[in-house]
């Protein structure tokens, strides 16, 4: 059984998605800067890889917060 989201929940999800979008852009740019820096100098690329992983995790979480998708109800409701 799927439940519809209330308007308050949809607004909350949209606000969270906006904040996450900013963080995703920040970590994406940080990844580029750190990757270029590690290529130009002989600096380790580990910080660039870490920021890439953080950006990927945030992107997956943001995709789960789609306000148009209905939420499935728990199966064991009594």
N, C-alpha and C. Protein backbone atom coordinates (compact mmCIF):
# COMPACT_ATOMS: atom_id res chain seq x y z
N UNK A 1 0.84 -1.17 0.00
CA UNK A 1 0.00 0.00 0.00
C UNK A 1 0.88 1.23 0.00
N UNK A 2 0.57 2.17 -0.83
CA UNK A 2 1.37 3.38 -0.89
C UNK A 2 0.59 4.54 -0.29
N UNK A 3 1.33 5.35 0.45
CA UNK A 3 0.74 6.53 1.08
C UNK A 3 1.16 7.77 0.30
N UNK A 4 0.25 8.72 0.22
CA UNK A 4 0.59 9.98 -0.43
C UNK A 4 1.29 10.88 0.58
N UNK A 5 2.19 11.69 0.08
CA UNK A 5 2.88 12.64 0.94
C UNK A 5 2.00 13.86 1.17
N UNK A 6 2.08 14.41 2.36
CA UNK A 6 1.36 15.65 2.62
C UNK A 6 2.15 16.80 2.01
N UNK A 7 1.51 17.95 1.92
CA UNK A 7 2.19 19.11 1.36
C UNK A 7 3.39 19.53 2.20
N UNK A 8 3.26 19.41 3.53
CA UNK A 8 4.38 19.77 4.40
C UNK A 8 5.58 18.86 4.17
N UNK A 9 5.32 17.58 3.97
CA UNK A 9 6.41 16.64 3.71
C UNK A 9 7.06 16.93 2.36
N UNK A 10 6.25 17.28 1.36
CA UNK A 10 6.80 17.62 0.05
C UNK A 10 7.67 18.86 0.12
N UNK A 11 7.21 19.88 0.86
CA UNK A 11 7.99 21.12 1.01
C UNK A 11 9.29 20.83 1.73
N UNK A 12 9.23 19.98 2.76
CA UNK A 12 10.44 19.61 3.50
C UNK A 12 11.44 18.91 2.59
N UNK A 13 10.94 18.01 1.74
CA UNK A 13 11.82 17.30 0.81
C UNK A 13 12.44 18.24 -0.22
N UNK A 14 11.66 19.20 -0.70
CA UNK A 14 12.19 20.15 -1.68
C UNK A 14 13.29 21.00 -1.05
N UNK A 15 13.10 21.43 0.19
CA UNK A 15 14.12 22.22 0.88
C UNK A 15 15.39 21.40 1.10
N UNK A 16 15.23 20.13 1.50
CA UNK A 16 16.39 19.27 1.68
C UNK A 16 17.13 19.06 0.37
N UNK A 17 16.37 18.90 -0.72
CA UNK A 17 17.00 18.70 -2.03
C UNK A 17 17.79 19.94 -2.45
N UNK A 18 17.28 21.13 -2.11
CA UNK A 18 18.01 22.37 -2.44
C UNK A 18 19.34 22.44 -1.70
N UNK A 19 19.30 22.11 -0.42
CA UNK A 19 20.52 22.13 0.39
C UNK A 19 21.52 21.09 -0.12
N UNK A 20 21.02 19.90 -0.40
CA UNK A 20 21.89 18.84 -0.91
C UNK A 20 22.49 19.20 -2.27
N UNK A 21 21.72 19.91 -3.09
CA UNK A 21 22.23 20.33 -4.40
C UNK A 21 23.45 21.24 -4.23
N UNK A 22 23.38 22.14 -3.26
CA UNK A 22 24.53 23.01 -2.99
C UNK A 22 25.75 22.24 -2.54
N UNK A 23 25.54 21.26 -1.65
CA UNK A 23 26.65 20.44 -1.19
C UNK A 23 27.21 19.58 -2.33
N UNK A 24 26.35 19.07 -3.20
CA UNK A 24 26.81 18.26 -4.32
C UNK A 24 27.67 19.09 -5.27
N UNK A 25 27.24 20.31 -5.54
CA UNK A 25 28.03 21.20 -6.40
C UNK A 25 29.37 21.51 -5.75
N UNK A 26 29.35 21.80 -4.44
CA UNK A 26 30.59 22.11 -3.73
C UNK A 26 31.57 20.95 -3.80
N UNK A 27 31.10 19.73 -3.48
CA UNK A 27 32.00 18.57 -3.48
C UNK A 27 32.43 18.19 -4.90
N UNK A 28 31.59 18.46 -5.89
CA UNK A 28 31.99 18.21 -7.27
C UNK A 28 33.13 19.13 -7.69
N UNK A 29 32.99 20.42 -7.36
CA UNK A 29 34.07 21.37 -7.67
C UNK A 29 35.33 21.07 -6.86
N UNK A 30 35.13 20.67 -5.60
CA UNK A 30 36.29 20.31 -4.77
C UNK A 30 37.02 19.11 -5.36
N UNK A 31 36.28 18.16 -5.90
CA UNK A 31 36.89 17.00 -6.54
C UNK A 31 37.74 17.43 -7.73
N UNK A 32 37.18 18.31 -8.56
CA UNK A 32 37.93 18.80 -9.72
C UNK A 32 39.21 19.52 -9.30
N UNK A 33 39.09 20.41 -8.33
CA UNK A 33 40.25 21.19 -7.89
C UNK A 33 41.32 20.27 -7.30
N UNK A 34 40.90 19.35 -6.45
CA UNK A 34 41.88 18.45 -5.84
C UNK A 34 42.51 17.50 -6.86
N UNK A 35 41.73 17.06 -7.85
CA UNK A 35 42.28 16.17 -8.88
C UNK A 35 43.31 16.91 -9.74
N UNK A 36 42.99 18.14 -10.13
CA UNK A 36 43.94 18.93 -10.93
C UNK A 36 45.18 19.24 -10.11
N UNK A 37 44.98 19.57 -8.84
CA UNK A 37 46.12 19.87 -7.96
C UNK A 37 47.03 18.65 -7.81
N UNK A 38 46.42 17.46 -7.70
CA UNK A 38 47.24 16.25 -7.54
C UNK A 38 47.96 15.89 -8.84
N UNK A 39 47.40 16.31 -9.99
CA UNK A 39 48.10 16.06 -11.25
C UNK A 39 49.26 17.01 -11.46
N UNK A 40 49.05 18.28 -11.10
CA UNK A 40 50.10 19.28 -11.31
C UNK A 40 51.25 19.08 -10.34
N UNK A 41 50.92 18.85 -9.08
CA UNK A 41 51.97 18.58 -8.09
C UNK A 41 52.01 17.07 -7.87
N UNK A 42 52.92 16.64 -7.08
CA UNK A 42 53.00 15.21 -6.78
C UNK A 42 52.27 14.90 -5.47
N UNK A 43 51.09 15.50 -5.32
CA UNK A 43 50.27 15.32 -4.13
C UNK A 43 49.39 14.08 -4.32
N UNK A 44 49.09 13.41 -3.25
CA UNK A 44 48.28 12.19 -3.32
C UNK A 44 46.84 12.50 -3.75
N UNK A 45 46.24 11.65 -4.57
CA UNK A 45 44.87 11.90 -5.04
C UNK A 45 43.79 11.41 -4.07
N UNK A 46 44.17 10.97 -2.88
CA UNK A 46 43.20 10.43 -1.93
C UNK A 46 42.13 11.46 -1.53
N UNK A 47 42.48 12.74 -1.26
CA UNK A 47 41.42 13.70 -0.93
C UNK A 47 40.41 13.89 -2.07
N UNK A 48 40.86 13.83 -3.31
CA UNK A 48 39.96 13.95 -4.45
C UNK A 48 39.02 12.74 -4.51
N UNK A 49 39.53 11.58 -4.21
CA UNK A 49 38.70 10.37 -4.22
C UNK A 49 37.67 10.42 -3.10
N UNK A 50 38.08 10.90 -1.93
CA UNK A 50 37.17 11.01 -0.80
C UNK A 50 36.04 11.99 -1.11
N UNK A 51 36.37 13.13 -1.69
CA UNK A 51 35.33 14.11 -2.02
C UNK A 51 34.41 13.57 -3.12
N UNK A 52 34.93 12.76 -4.02
CA UNK A 52 34.10 12.14 -5.05
C UNK A 52 33.12 11.14 -4.42
N UNK A 53 33.58 10.37 -3.46
CA UNK A 53 32.71 9.41 -2.79
C UNK A 53 31.62 10.14 -2.00
N UNK A 54 31.97 11.21 -1.31
CA UNK A 54 30.98 11.99 -0.56
C UNK A 54 29.95 12.57 -1.51
N UNK A 55 30.39 13.08 -2.63
CA UNK A 55 29.48 13.64 -3.63
C UNK A 55 28.54 12.58 -4.19
N UNK A 56 29.04 11.38 -4.41
CA UNK A 56 28.21 10.30 -4.93
C UNK A 56 27.16 9.86 -3.91
N UNK A 57 27.55 9.80 -2.64
CA UNK A 57 26.60 9.43 -1.58
C UNK A 57 25.51 10.48 -1.46
N UNK A 58 25.88 11.76 -1.49
CA UNK A 58 24.89 12.83 -1.41
C UNK A 58 23.95 12.80 -2.62
N UNK A 59 24.47 12.49 -3.79
CA UNK A 59 23.64 12.42 -4.98
C UNK A 59 22.61 11.29 -4.87
N UNK A 60 23.04 10.15 -4.39
CA UNK A 60 22.10 9.02 -4.23
C UNK A 60 21.03 9.35 -3.19
N UNK A 61 21.42 10.00 -2.11
CA UNK A 61 20.45 10.37 -1.08
C UNK A 61 19.46 11.40 -1.62
N UNK A 62 19.95 12.34 -2.43
CA UNK A 62 19.08 13.36 -3.01
C UNK A 62 18.07 12.74 -3.97
N UNK A 63 18.48 11.72 -4.69
CA UNK A 63 17.57 11.04 -5.61
C UNK A 63 16.44 10.33 -4.86
N UNK A 64 16.70 9.91 -3.64
CA UNK A 64 15.67 9.24 -2.85
C UNK A 64 14.62 10.20 -2.32
N UNK A 65 14.92 11.48 -2.30
CA UNK A 65 14.01 12.48 -1.73
C UNK A 65 13.12 13.12 -2.78
N UNK A 66 12.72 12.38 -3.78
CA UNK A 66 11.86 12.93 -4.83
C UNK A 66 10.48 13.22 -4.25
N UNK A 67 10.00 14.47 -4.32
CA UNK A 67 8.70 14.80 -3.72
C UNK A 67 7.51 14.25 -4.52
N UNK A 68 7.73 13.80 -5.73
CA UNK A 68 6.64 13.30 -6.56
C UNK A 68 6.35 11.81 -6.31
N UNK A 69 7.32 11.11 -5.71
CA UNK A 69 7.18 9.68 -5.49
C UNK A 69 6.40 9.43 -4.20
N UNK A 70 5.48 8.48 -4.26
CA UNK A 70 4.72 8.12 -3.08
C UNK A 70 5.54 7.19 -2.20
N UNK A 71 5.28 7.24 -0.90
CA UNK A 71 6.02 6.43 0.07
C UNK A 71 5.24 5.16 0.34
N UNK A 72 5.93 4.04 0.34
CA UNK A 72 5.23 2.78 0.63
C UNK A 72 5.06 2.65 2.14
N UNK A 73 3.91 2.19 2.54
CA UNK A 73 3.57 2.06 3.96
C UNK A 73 4.25 0.82 4.53
N UNK A 74 4.51 0.83 5.83
CA UNK A 74 5.08 -0.37 6.46
C UNK A 74 4.14 -1.55 6.33
N UNK A 75 4.67 -2.74 6.15
CA UNK A 75 3.86 -3.93 5.89
C UNK A 75 3.15 -4.45 7.14
N UNK A 76 3.77 -4.29 8.29
CA UNK A 76 3.23 -4.86 9.52
C UNK A 76 2.46 -3.82 10.32
N UNK A 77 1.46 -3.23 9.74
CA UNK A 77 0.63 -2.28 10.46
C UNK A 77 -0.60 -2.98 10.99
N UNK A 78 -0.91 -2.74 12.25
CA UNK A 78 -2.09 -3.34 12.85
C UNK A 78 -3.00 -2.29 13.40
